[in-house]
Amino acid sequence: MTNDERAELRGRILDGRYRLGRRIGIGGTGVVFDATTHDGSRLAVKTLRPCFVDHPDLGRRLQREGEVARQVRHPGIVPVLDEGYLEDGSPYIVMPLLTGESLSRLLLRKGELPLDQAAQIASRVAAILHAAHMAGYVHRDVKPEHVLLDRSESGDLVVQLLDFGVCSSRFAPADERQREEGKVFGTPSYVSPEQASGEANVDGRADLFSLGILLFEALSGRLPFTGRTVSKLLIRIIRQDAPRLSEVVAGVDPGFEAIVARLLARERDERFPSARALARAVAPYLQERKMIERRIAASLQLRSTVSDMATTVRRSAVGRQVA
């Protein structure tokens, strides 16, 4: 990606309402700008990268973020405030300008998290996923970069799950599902075996596998699967069982190790049946939820951004989004 992508949009006023300022992030397919309204309110505007403006499926995925925000009523999902089209015909969406620290950056600073803190974050993410799954959406790209942690004015922990741009929808047209068959959606280091195999019709248990990888990484400081190339990494995810936490973490609680192992089962029927079932399983480890959350919140280094693109030092070199 070049440093001047979408530079022509800086200073542009979209639909007479949103003046675009500095560019604050570039993802696999999107570019995000700081924006202000006529009354001085600051927002974020997400557009497609120039190389994808003529890609109809990517345009629909960007718009699907707005669809998810409308259909899934949960405080952990970022609202989409408005939508529109640029002069080149590609869509844009308007979101709040968020503050916080991604779980990725938190892990980069701390290395690993205590079990109760990792479990609490996973529990909060599971609640968001349950709401999305019940509404018919599978995120397909759950990873630390997409878990944003913030601290409220009262010191409480705020957890949001970002970027539903590659999510699947049970309402998607049949031709879209046909085009997705055989493609890997998500970030290779975090995809489930069924995603790695290119299955289009995955369900919420794919997100639970990704959440299992996130938990493994948060507790051990390493990824359960790595590879020198994307193809080798995906083959390992498909064919090999994940290592046990006790192989890399001394003194890990056996019960919690079993929870992570169940999340990382290669056969989806062997995983938890739902995100809510996972939340119930970790509940015994969260006897002091309020205290745990306040400790996490107090440790955050907050920054103003819509998305934290930082990667941890443990991330595989091939851990990029592939579709």
Protein backbone atom coordinates (compact mmCIF):
# COMPACT_ATOMS: atom_id res chain seq x y z
CA MET A 1 0.00 0.00 0.00
CA THR A 2 1.28 3.46 -0.83
CA ASN A 3 1.40 6.46 1.46
CA ASP A 4 -0.84 8.60 -0.75
CA GLU A 5 -3.85 6.29 -1.12
CA ARG A 6 -7.02 8.35 -1.19
CA ALA A 7 -4.98 11.52 -0.57
CA GLU A 8 -7.29 13.33 -3.00
CA LEU A 9 -10.13 13.00 -0.48
CA ARG A 10 -8.44 15.05 2.24
CA GLY A 11 -10.34 18.31 2.67
CA ARG A 12 -13.25 17.04 0.56
CA ILE A 13 -16.78 17.59 1.89
CA LEU A 14 -18.97 14.52 1.40
CA ASP A 15 -22.67 15.08 0.73
CA GLY A 16 -22.36 18.57 2.19
CA ARG A 17 -21.93 17.15 5.70
CA TYR A 18 -18.55 15.55 6.37
CA ARG A 19 -15.24 17.35 5.83
CA LEU A 20 -12.47 14.78 5.58
CA GLY A 21 -9.26 15.45 7.49
CA ARG A 22 -6.20 13.30 8.03
CA ARG A 23 -6.08 9.66 7.13
CA ILE A 24 -6.04 7.62 10.35
CA GLY A 25 -5.85 4.03 9.13
CA ILE A 26 -5.43 1.67 6.20
CA GLY A 27 -6.62 -1.93 6.32
CA GLY A 28 -6.64 -4.74 3.83
CA THR A 29 -9.43 -3.18 1.77
CA GLY A 30 -10.34 0.10 3.48
CA VAL A 31 -9.02 3.59 4.19
CA VAL A 32 -10.29 5.51 7.22
CA PHE A 33 -10.34 9.30 7.59
CA ASP A 34 -10.92 11.66 10.48
CA ALA A 35 -13.92 13.85 9.63
CA THR A 36 -15.75 16.83 11.09
CA THR A 37 -19.31 18.07 10.72
CA HIS A 38 -20.52 21.65 10.46
CA ASP A 39 -20.95 21.82 14.24
CA GLY A 40 -17.41 20.59 14.89
CA SER A 41 -18.28 17.01 15.81
CA ARG A 42 -15.52 14.53 14.98
CA LEU A 43 -16.34 11.28 13.24
CA ALA A 44 -14.63 8.62 11.15
CA VAL A 45 -15.32 7.90 7.49
CA LYS A 46 -14.34 4.56 5.98
CA THR A 47 -13.88 4.14 2.23
CA LEU A 48 -12.53 1.44 -0.05
CA ARG A 49 -8.91 1.52 -1.13
CA PRO A 50 -8.64 2.83 -4.72
CA CYS A 51 -7.68 -0.58 -6.14
CA PHE A 52 -11.00 -1.99 -4.92
CA VAL A 53 -13.48 0.71 -5.98
CA ASP A 54 -14.71 -1.38 -8.93
CA HIS A 55 -15.02 -4.57 -6.89
CA PRO A 56 -18.78 -5.03 -6.28
CA ASP A 57 -18.42 -7.66 -3.55
CA LEU A 58 -16.04 -5.49 -1.52
CA GLY A 59 -18.44 -2.58 -1.85
CA ARG A 60 -21.24 -4.76 -0.53
CA ARG A 61 -19.09 -5.90 2.37
CA LEU A 62 -18.40 -2.32 3.39
CA GLN A 63 -22.12 -1.62 3.28
CA ARG A 64 -22.74 -4.79 5.27
CA GLU A 65 -20.99 -3.15 8.21
CA GLY A 66 -23.88 -0.69 8.23
CA GLU A 67 -26.35 -3.54 7.92
CA VAL A 68 -24.83 -5.34 10.92
CA ALA A 69 -24.89 -2.16 12.99
CA ARG A 70 -28.59 -1.69 12.21
CA GLN A 71 -29.62 -5.30 12.77
CA VAL A 72 -27.49 -6.23 15.81
CA ARG A 73 -28.36 -4.11 18.80
CA HIS A 74 -25.38 -4.50 21.10
CA PRO A 75 -23.13 -1.84 22.68
CA GLY A 76 -20.11 -3.88 21.63
CA ILE A 77 -20.81 -3.28 17.94
CA VAL A 78 -19.78 0.12 16.58
CA PRO A 79 -22.78 2.03 15.21
CA VAL A 80 -22.76 3.19 11.60
CA LEU A 81 -24.20 6.70 11.61
CA ASP A 82 -24.56 7.32 7.89
CA GLU A 83 -23.74 5.89 4.48
CA GLY A 84 -23.16 7.36 1.05
CA TYR A 85 -21.22 7.17 -2.19
CA LEU A 86 -18.07 8.90 -3.41
CA GLU A 87 -17.80 10.49 -6.84
CA ASP A 88 -16.22 7.29 -8.18
CA GLY A 89 -19.37 5.38 -7.20
CA SER A 90 -17.80 3.44 -4.35
CA PRO A 91 -19.52 3.46 -0.94
CA TYR A 92 -18.45 5.06 2.32
CA ILE A 93 -19.72 4.67 5.87
CA VAL A 94 -19.63 7.11 8.78
CA MET A 95 -18.84 5.91 12.30
CA PRO A 96 -17.99 7.45 15.67
CA LEU A 97 -14.33 8.33 16.15
CA LEU A 98 -13.40 5.79 18.76
CA THR A 99 -10.86 5.92 21.54
CA GLY A 100 -9.20 2.93 23.09
CA GLU A 101 -6.42 0.40 22.80
CA SER A 102 -6.64 -2.77 20.75
CA LEU A 103 -6.03 -6.08 22.43
CA SER A 104 -3.19 -6.49 19.94
CA ARG A 105 -1.40 -3.42 21.26
CA LEU A 106 -2.12 -4.40 24.84
CA LEU A 107 -0.47 -7.78 24.23
CA LEU A 108 2.45 -6.08 22.53
CA ARG A 109 3.01 -4.06 25.71
CA LYS A 110 2.33 -6.75 28.29
CA GLY A 111 3.35 -9.98 26.56
CA GLU A 112 0.63 -12.12 28.15
CA LEU A 113 -2.43 -11.51 30.32
CA PRO A 114 -3.43 -13.10 33.62
CA LEU A 115 -5.98 -15.86 33.14
CA ASP A 116 -8.85 -13.91 34.73
CA GLN A 117 -8.25 -10.89 32.48
CA ALA A 118 -8.02 -12.97 29.31
CA ALA A 119 -11.15 -14.86 30.33
CA GLN A 120 -13.05 -11.63 31.01
CA ILE A 121 -12.17 -10.16 27.63
CA ALA A 122 -13.14 -13.43 25.93
CA SER A 123 -16.45 -13.43 27.82
CA ARG A 124 -17.25 -9.91 26.64
CA VAL A 125 -16.32 -10.76 23.04
CA ALA A 126 -18.45 -13.92 23.27
CA ALA A 127 -21.47 -11.80 24.26
CA ILE A 128 -20.99 -9.61 21.18
CA LEU A 129 -20.59 -12.65 18.95
CA HIS A 130 -23.71 -14.27 20.38
CA ALA A 131 -25.75 -11.20 19.43
CA ALA A 132 -24.30 -11.20 15.92
CA HIS A 133 -24.78 -14.94 15.44
CA MET A 134 -28.40 -14.76 16.59
CA ALA A 135 -29.00 -12.06 13.98
CA GLY A 136 -27.52 -14.24 11.24
CA TYR A 137 -23.96 -12.94 10.94
CA VAL A 138 -20.58 -14.68 11.34
CA HIS A 139 -17.69 -12.24 11.81
CA ARG A 140 -15.03 -14.46 10.16
CA ASP A 141 -12.10 -12.25 11.25
CA VAL A 142 -11.97 -12.32 15.06
CA LYS A 143 -8.44 -11.38 16.15
CA PRO A 144 -6.74 -9.09 18.71
CA GLU A 145 -6.58 -6.12 16.29
CA HIS A 146 -10.36 -6.15 16.08
CA VAL A 147 -11.00 -6.17 19.84
CA LEU A 148 -10.99 -2.55 21.03
CA LEU A 149 -10.73 -1.88 24.75
CA ASP A 150 -11.67 1.47 26.26
CA ARG A 151 -12.24 3.03 29.66
CA SER A 152 -15.46 4.89 30.46
CA GLU A 153 -15.52 8.12 32.44
CA SER A 154 -16.42 6.09 35.53
CA GLY A 155 -13.48 3.75 34.98
CA ASP A 156 -15.46 0.81 33.62
CA LEU A 157 -14.16 -1.39 30.81
CA VAL A 158 -15.69 -0.93 27.36
CA VAL A 159 -15.19 -3.75 24.83
CA GLN A 160 -16.07 -3.48 21.15
CA LEU A 161 -15.62 -5.89 18.26
CA LEU A 162 -14.58 -4.03 15.13
CA ASP A 163 -14.73 -4.61 11.40
CA PHE A 164 -17.55 -6.81 10.18
CA GLY A 165 -16.32 -6.15 6.65
CA VAL A 166 -15.77 -9.83 5.78
CA CYS A 167 -18.67 -11.22 7.79
CA SER A 168 -21.02 -13.74 6.25
CA SER A 169 -24.77 -13.24 6.35
CA ARG A 170 -27.54 -15.77 6.15
CA PHE A 171 -29.39 -13.15 4.09
CA ALA A 172 -26.63 -12.94 1.44
CA PRO A 173 -27.83 -13.66 -2.12
CA ALA A 174 -27.08 -17.10 -3.54
CA ASP A 175 -24.71 -15.75 -6.21
CA GLU A 176 -22.56 -14.11 -3.54
CA ARG A 177 -22.26 -17.37 -1.65
CA GLN A 178 -21.30 -19.17 -4.84
CA ARG A 179 -18.51 -16.66 -5.50
CA GLU A 180 -17.22 -17.13 -1.96
CA GLU A 181 -16.86 -20.90 -2.28
CA GLY A 182 -13.21 -21.91 -2.23
CA LYS A 183 -11.97 -18.55 -0.90
CA VAL A 184 -10.40 -18.01 2.53
CA PHE A 185 -11.98 -15.10 4.39
CA GLY A 186 -10.20 -13.72 7.43
CA THR A 187 -6.64 -13.52 8.69
CA PRO A 188 -4.83 -16.86 8.14
CA SER A 189 -3.34 -17.11 11.65
CA TYR A 190 -6.85 -16.92 13.15
CA VAL A 191 -9.12 -18.80 10.75
CA SER A 192 -10.94 -22.04 11.57
CA PRO A 193 -10.25 -25.26 9.67
CA GLU A 194 -13.48 -24.85 7.72
CA GLN A 195 -12.48 -21.31 6.70
CA ALA A 196 -8.99 -22.54 5.79
CA SER A 197 -10.67 -25.14 3.56
CA GLY A 198 -12.55 -22.42 1.69
CA GLU A 199 -16.03 -23.32 2.91
CA ALA A 200 -18.49 -20.51 2.28
CA ASN A 201 -21.27 -21.64 4.63
CA VAL A 202 -19.51 -21.41 8.00
CA ASP A 203 -21.45 -20.82 11.21
CA GLY A 204 -20.72 -19.16 14.56
CA ARG A 205 -18.47 -22.00 15.64
CA ALA A 206 -15.86 -20.66 13.19
CA ASP A 207 -15.72 -17.47 15.25
CA LEU A 208 -15.35 -19.56 18.40
CA PHE A 209 -12.28 -21.26 16.93
CA SER A 210 -10.80 -17.81 16.22
CA LEU A 211 -11.63 -16.75 19.77
CA GLY A 212 -9.79 -19.85 20.97
CA ILE A 213 -6.68 -18.75 19.07
CA LEU A 214 -7.04 -15.28 20.61
CA LEU A 215 -7.23 -16.81 24.10
CA PHE A 216 -4.26 -19.09 23.45
CA GLU A 217 -2.21 -16.10 22.32
CA ALA A 218 -3.30 -13.88 25.21
CA LEU A 219 -2.29 -16.52 27.76
CA SER A 220 0.89 -17.87 26.16
CA GLY A 221 2.34 -15.02 24.11
CA ARG A 222 2.37 -17.14 20.97
CA LEU A 223 0.08 -18.38 18.24
CA PRO A 224 -0.93 -22.05 18.19
CA PHE A 225 -0.40 -22.27 14.42
CA THR A 226 2.40 -20.71 12.35
CA GLY A 227 3.79 -21.29 8.89
CA ARG A 228 6.43 -19.98 6.52
CA THR A 229 3.78 -19.37 3.87
CA VAL A 230 0.03 -18.85 3.88
CA SER A 231 -0.58 -22.23 2.26
CA LYS A 232 1.56 -24.10 4.81
CA LEU A 233 -0.17 -22.29 7.66
CA LEU A 234 -3.63 -23.14 6.35
CA ILE A 235 -2.69 -26.79 5.85
CA ARG A 236 -1.54 -27.00 9.46
CA ILE A 237 -4.80 -25.53 10.69
CA ILE A 238 -6.75 -28.04 8.60
CA ARG A 239 -4.68 -31.14 9.43
CA GLN A 240 -3.03 -30.62 12.81
CA ASP A 241 -4.44 -30.38 16.31
CA ALA A 242 -3.58 -27.23 18.23
CA PRO A 243 -1.00 -27.66 20.99
CA ARG A 244 -2.27 -27.81 24.55
CA LEU A 245 -1.80 -24.68 26.61
CA SER A 246 0.11 -26.65 29.23
CA GLU A 247 2.79 -27.32 26.61
CA VAL A 248 3.68 -23.62 26.53
CA VAL A 249 2.29 -22.18 29.79
CA ALA A 250 3.52 -23.52 33.12
CA GLY A 251 0.88 -24.13 35.77
CA VAL A 252 -2.13 -23.35 33.61
CA ASP A 253 -5.46 -24.25 35.18
CA PRO A 254 -6.51 -27.67 33.76
CA GLY A 255 -10.17 -26.65 33.51
CA PHE A 256 -9.39 -23.54 31.54
CA GLU A 257 -6.95 -25.45 29.36
CA ALA A 258 -9.86 -27.77 28.52
CA ILE A 259 -12.02 -24.77 27.54
CA VAL A 260 -9.36 -23.48 25.13
CA ALA A 261 -8.82 -26.98 23.73
CA ARG A 262 -12.55 -27.34 23.07
CA LEU A 263 -12.60 -24.00 21.26
CA LEU A 264 -9.71 -25.20 19.08
CA ALA A 265 -11.23 -28.56 18.16
CA ARG A 266 -10.80 -29.20 14.45
CA GLU A 267 -14.28 -30.68 14.17
CA ARG A 268 -16.84 -27.94 14.69
CA ASP A 269 -19.27 -30.32 16.41
CA GLU A 270 -16.69 -30.79 19.16
CA ARG A 271 -16.56 -27.07 19.95
CA PHE A 272 -18.98 -25.17 22.15
CA PRO A 273 -22.36 -25.04 20.43
CA SER A 274 -22.66 -21.28 20.86
CA ALA A 275 -20.87 -18.20 22.11
CA ARG A 276 -23.30 -18.09 25.02
CA ALA A 277 -22.24 -21.62 26.02
CA LEU A 278 -18.63 -20.45 26.03
CA ALA A 279 -19.52 -17.48 28.25
CA ARG A 280 -21.15 -19.87 30.71
CA ALA A 281 -18.05 -22.09 30.69
CA VAL A 282 -15.67 -19.25 31.63
CA ALA A 283 -18.02 -17.73 34.22
CA PRO A 284 -16.54 -19.73 37.16
CA TYR A 285 -13.21 -18.02 36.51
CA LEU A 286 -14.78 -14.58 36.82
CA GLN A 287 -15.98 -14.38 40.40
CA GLU A 288 -14.84 -10.75 40.70
CA ARG A 289 -15.90 -9.45 37.31
CA LYS A 290 -16.04 -5.79 38.30
CA MET A 291 -12.58 -5.85 39.86
CA ILE A 292 -11.09 -7.73 36.89
CA GLU A 293 -12.57 -5.28 34.41
CA ARG A 294 -11.37 -2.25 36.36
CA ARG A 295 -7.84 -3.66 36.41
CA ILE A 296 -7.92 -4.09 32.65
CA ALA A 297 -9.39 -0.61 32.13
CA ALA A 298 -6.82 1.03 34.42
CA SER A 299 -3.96 -0.56 32.46
CA LEU A 300 -5.01 0.76 29.06
CA GLN A 301 -3.06 3.34 27.11
CA LEU A 302 -5.84 5.11 25.25
CA ARG A 303 -5.54 6.75 21.88
CA SER A 304 -8.01 8.36 19.52
CA THR A 305 -8.49 6.10 16.52
CA VAL A 306 -11.18 4.15 14.72
CA SER A 307 -9.01 1.08 14.47
CA ASP A 308 -5.64 0.02 15.83
CA MET A 309 -3.58 -1.56 13.06
CA ALA A 310 -0.68 -2.58 15.35
CA THR A 311 0.44 -6.19 15.25
CA THR A 312 2.05 -8.04 18.09
CA VAL A 313 5.61 -9.31 17.95
CA ARG A 314 4.24 -12.86 18.10
CA ARG A 315 2.18 -12.51 14.93
CA SER A 316 3.11 -14.75 12.03
CA ALA A 317 4.60 -13.03 9.00
CA VAL A 318 1.77 -14.49 6.94
CA GLY A 319 -0.96 -13.38 9.32
CA ARG A 320 -2.68 -11.07 6.88
CA GLN A 321 -6.21 -10.99 5.58
CA VAL A 322 -6.49 -13.01 2.40
CA ALA A 323 -10.00 -12.29 1.15
